[in-house]
Amino acid sequence: MQVFAYCWACNKEYDVSRWSNKYGVKCDSPECDGYVIGPTGSIKPRIVGDFSKTPEPLIKVISSN
């Protein structure tokens, strides 16, 4: 699954799938003063992936019986 985020000002798209969760990441476009990840951690997302399959649960319950 990939997560893309758009700059809040110029709408340039960035692949933020492997970015750390830093806040306040600015757009690198010339003459753009917008944020890709806002100071509060907000993004304009687009998620790409195969949603046809049910994902594995994050926590599996193991019986001790």
N, C-alpha and C. Protein backbone atom coordinates (compact mmCIF):
# COMPACT_ATOMS: atom_id res chain seq x y z
N MET A 1 0.84 -1.16 0.00
CA MET A 1 0.00 0.00 0.00
C MET A 1 0.89 1.24 0.00
N GLN A 2 0.53 2.21 -0.80
CA GLN A 2 1.28 3.46 -0.86
C GLN A 2 0.38 4.61 -0.41
N VAL A 3 0.99 5.58 0.26
CA VAL A 3 0.28 6.77 0.69
C VAL A 3 0.93 7.97 0.01
N PHE A 4 0.12 8.74 -0.69
CA PHE A 4 0.59 9.96 -1.34
C PHE A 4 -0.04 11.14 -0.63
N ALA A 5 0.69 12.24 -0.58
CA ALA A 5 0.17 13.46 0.02
C ALA A 5 0.40 14.61 -0.95
N TYR A 6 -0.52 15.55 -0.93
CA TYR A 6 -0.43 16.72 -1.81
C TYR A 6 -0.05 17.95 -0.99
N CYS A 7 0.72 18.83 -1.61
CA CYS A 7 1.03 20.12 -0.99
C CYS A 7 -0.28 20.87 -0.83
N TRP A 8 -0.46 21.52 0.32
CA TRP A 8 -1.69 22.25 0.60
C TRP A 8 -1.83 23.50 -0.28
N ALA A 9 -0.72 24.02 -0.81
CA ALA A 9 -0.77 25.25 -1.60
C ALA A 9 -0.77 24.99 -3.11
N CYS A 10 0.16 24.18 -3.59
CA CYS A 10 0.31 24.00 -5.05
C CYS A 10 -0.16 22.64 -5.55
N ASN A 11 -0.55 21.73 -4.65
CA ASN A 11 -1.04 20.39 -4.98
C ASN A 11 -0.01 19.48 -5.63
N LYS A 12 1.29 19.74 -5.46
CA LYS A 12 2.32 18.82 -5.93
C LYS A 12 2.21 17.54 -5.11
N GLU A 13 2.33 16.39 -5.80
CA GLU A 13 2.16 15.10 -5.13
C GLU A 13 3.49 14.54 -4.64
N TYR A 14 3.48 13.97 -3.44
CA TYR A 14 4.66 13.35 -2.84
C TYR A 14 4.28 11.95 -2.36
N ASP A 15 5.18 10.98 -2.52
CA ASP A 15 4.99 9.64 -1.97
C ASP A 15 5.51 9.68 -0.54
N VAL A 16 4.62 9.65 0.43
CA VAL A 16 5.00 9.75 1.84
C VAL A 16 4.91 8.39 2.55
N SER A 17 4.88 7.31 1.78
CA SER A 17 4.72 5.97 2.35
C SER A 17 5.80 5.63 3.36
N ARG A 18 7.01 6.06 3.12
CA ARG A 18 8.11 5.69 4.01
C ARG A 18 8.66 6.89 4.79
N TRP A 19 7.95 8.00 4.76
CA TRP A 19 8.40 9.17 5.53
C TRP A 19 8.15 8.93 7.01
N SER A 20 8.99 9.54 7.82
CA SER A 20 8.74 9.49 9.25
C SER A 20 7.56 10.40 9.55
N ASN A 21 7.09 10.39 10.75
CA ASN A 21 5.92 11.19 11.09
C ASN A 21 6.29 12.59 11.57
N LYS A 22 7.20 13.24 10.84
CA LYS A 22 7.57 14.61 11.18
C LYS A 22 6.42 15.55 10.85
N TYR A 23 6.29 16.59 11.62
CA TYR A 23 5.28 17.62 11.37
C TYR A 23 5.95 18.83 10.74
N GLY A 24 5.21 19.53 9.93
CA GLY A 24 5.72 20.77 9.36
C GLY A 24 6.69 20.57 8.21
N VAL A 25 6.46 19.59 7.32
CA VAL A 25 7.32 19.35 6.17
C VAL A 25 6.86 20.25 5.03
N LYS A 26 7.76 21.13 4.59
CA LYS A 26 7.44 22.10 3.54
C LYS A 26 7.60 21.48 2.15
N CYS A 27 6.84 22.02 1.20
CA CYS A 27 6.94 21.65 -0.21
C CYS A 27 8.29 22.12 -0.75
N ASP A 28 8.88 21.34 -1.67
CA ASP A 28 10.18 21.72 -2.23
C ASP A 28 10.07 22.41 -3.59
N SER A 29 8.84 22.71 -4.02
CA SER A 29 8.67 23.43 -5.29
C SER A 29 9.16 24.86 -5.15
N PRO A 30 9.80 25.39 -6.20
CA PRO A 30 10.26 26.78 -6.15
C PRO A 30 9.07 27.73 -5.97
N GLU A 31 9.27 28.72 -5.17
CA GLU A 31 8.28 29.77 -4.92
C GLU A 31 6.99 29.26 -4.29
N CYS A 32 7.00 28.08 -3.68
CA CYS A 32 5.83 27.56 -2.98
C CYS A 32 6.15 27.56 -1.49
N ASP A 33 5.25 28.10 -0.70
CA ASP A 33 5.45 28.16 0.75
C ASP A 33 4.48 27.24 1.47
N GLY A 34 3.94 26.24 0.75
CA GLY A 34 2.95 25.33 1.33
C GLY A 34 3.59 24.17 2.07
N TYR A 35 2.74 23.42 2.74
CA TYR A 35 3.17 22.25 3.50
C TYR A 35 2.68 20.97 2.84
N VAL A 36 3.51 19.92 2.89
CA VAL A 36 3.09 18.58 2.49
C VAL A 36 2.50 17.89 3.73
N ILE A 37 3.18 18.01 4.85
CA ILE A 37 2.67 17.58 6.15
C ILE A 37 2.59 18.83 7.00
N GLY A 38 1.40 19.21 7.38
CA GLY A 38 1.18 20.45 8.13
C GLY A 38 1.80 20.41 9.51
N PRO A 39 1.90 21.56 10.17
CA PRO A 39 2.47 21.64 11.52
C PRO A 39 1.71 20.79 12.54
N THR A 40 0.45 20.48 12.26
CA THR A 40 -0.33 19.63 13.16
C THR A 40 -0.31 18.16 12.74
N GLY A 41 0.39 17.84 11.65
CA GLY A 41 0.47 16.47 11.16
C GLY A 41 -0.57 16.13 10.11
N SER A 42 -1.34 17.11 9.66
CA SER A 42 -2.39 16.85 8.68
C SER A 42 -1.82 16.78 7.26
N ILE A 43 -2.45 15.92 6.43
CA ILE A 43 -2.06 15.78 5.03
C ILE A 43 -3.31 15.75 4.17
N LYS A 44 -3.13 16.00 2.87
CA LYS A 44 -4.18 15.77 1.88
C LYS A 44 -3.82 14.44 1.23
N PRO A 45 -4.45 13.32 1.66
CA PRO A 45 -3.99 11.99 1.24
C PRO A 45 -4.63 11.45 -0.03
N ARG A 46 -3.89 10.50 -0.61
CA ARG A 46 -4.40 9.61 -1.66
C ARG A 46 -3.73 8.27 -1.38
N ILE A 47 -4.54 7.23 -1.15
CA ILE A 47 -4.02 5.92 -0.79
C ILE A 47 -4.22 4.97 -1.97
N VAL A 48 -3.14 4.26 -2.34
CA VAL A 48 -3.17 3.34 -3.46
C VAL A 48 -2.83 1.95 -2.95
N GLY A 49 -3.64 0.97 -3.32
CA GLY A 49 -3.36 -0.40 -2.91
C GLY A 49 -4.50 -1.32 -3.30
N ASP A 50 -4.33 -2.60 -3.01
CA ASP A 50 -5.34 -3.60 -3.29
C ASP A 50 -6.26 -3.70 -2.08
N PHE A 51 -7.46 -3.17 -2.21
CA PHE A 51 -8.42 -3.19 -1.12
C PHE A 51 -9.44 -4.31 -1.27
N SER A 52 -9.23 -5.21 -2.23
CA SER A 52 -10.18 -6.29 -2.46
C SER A 52 -10.05 -7.42 -1.44
N LYS A 53 -8.88 -7.53 -0.80
CA LYS A 53 -8.66 -8.58 0.18
C LYS A 53 -8.75 -7.99 1.59
N THR A 54 -9.28 -8.77 2.51
CA THR A 54 -9.33 -8.36 3.90
C THR A 54 -7.93 -8.48 4.49
N PRO A 55 -7.41 -7.41 5.10
CA PRO A 55 -6.05 -7.49 5.64
C PRO A 55 -5.97 -8.38 6.88
N GLU A 56 -4.78 -8.89 7.14
CA GLU A 56 -4.54 -9.68 8.35
C GLU A 56 -4.74 -8.77 9.55
N PRO A 57 -5.26 -9.30 10.65
CA PRO A 57 -5.38 -8.46 11.85
C PRO A 57 -4.00 -8.10 12.39
N LEU A 58 -3.90 -6.93 12.99
CA LEU A 58 -2.61 -6.49 13.54
C LEU A 58 -2.24 -7.28 14.79
N ILE A 59 -3.26 -7.71 15.53
CA ILE A 59 -3.01 -8.48 16.75
C ILE A 59 -3.76 -9.79 16.63
N LYS A 60 -3.05 -10.89 16.84
CA LYS A 60 -3.68 -12.21 16.79
C LYS A 60 -3.88 -12.72 18.21
N VAL A 61 -5.06 -13.24 18.49
CA VAL A 61 -5.36 -13.80 19.79
C VAL A 61 -4.91 -15.25 19.80
N ILE A 62 -4.12 -15.61 20.79
CA ILE A 62 -3.60 -16.98 20.93
C ILE A 62 -4.24 -17.58 22.15
N SER A 63 -4.90 -18.70 21.97
CA SER A 63 -5.56 -19.38 23.09
C SER A 63 -4.52 -20.13 23.90
N SER A 64 -4.65 -20.08 25.23
CA SER A 64 -3.69 -20.76 26.09
C SER A 64 -4.28 -22.07 26.62
N ASN A 65 -5.39 -22.53 26.04
CA ASN A 65 -6.01 -23.78 26.51
C ASN A 65 -5.36 -24.99 25.91
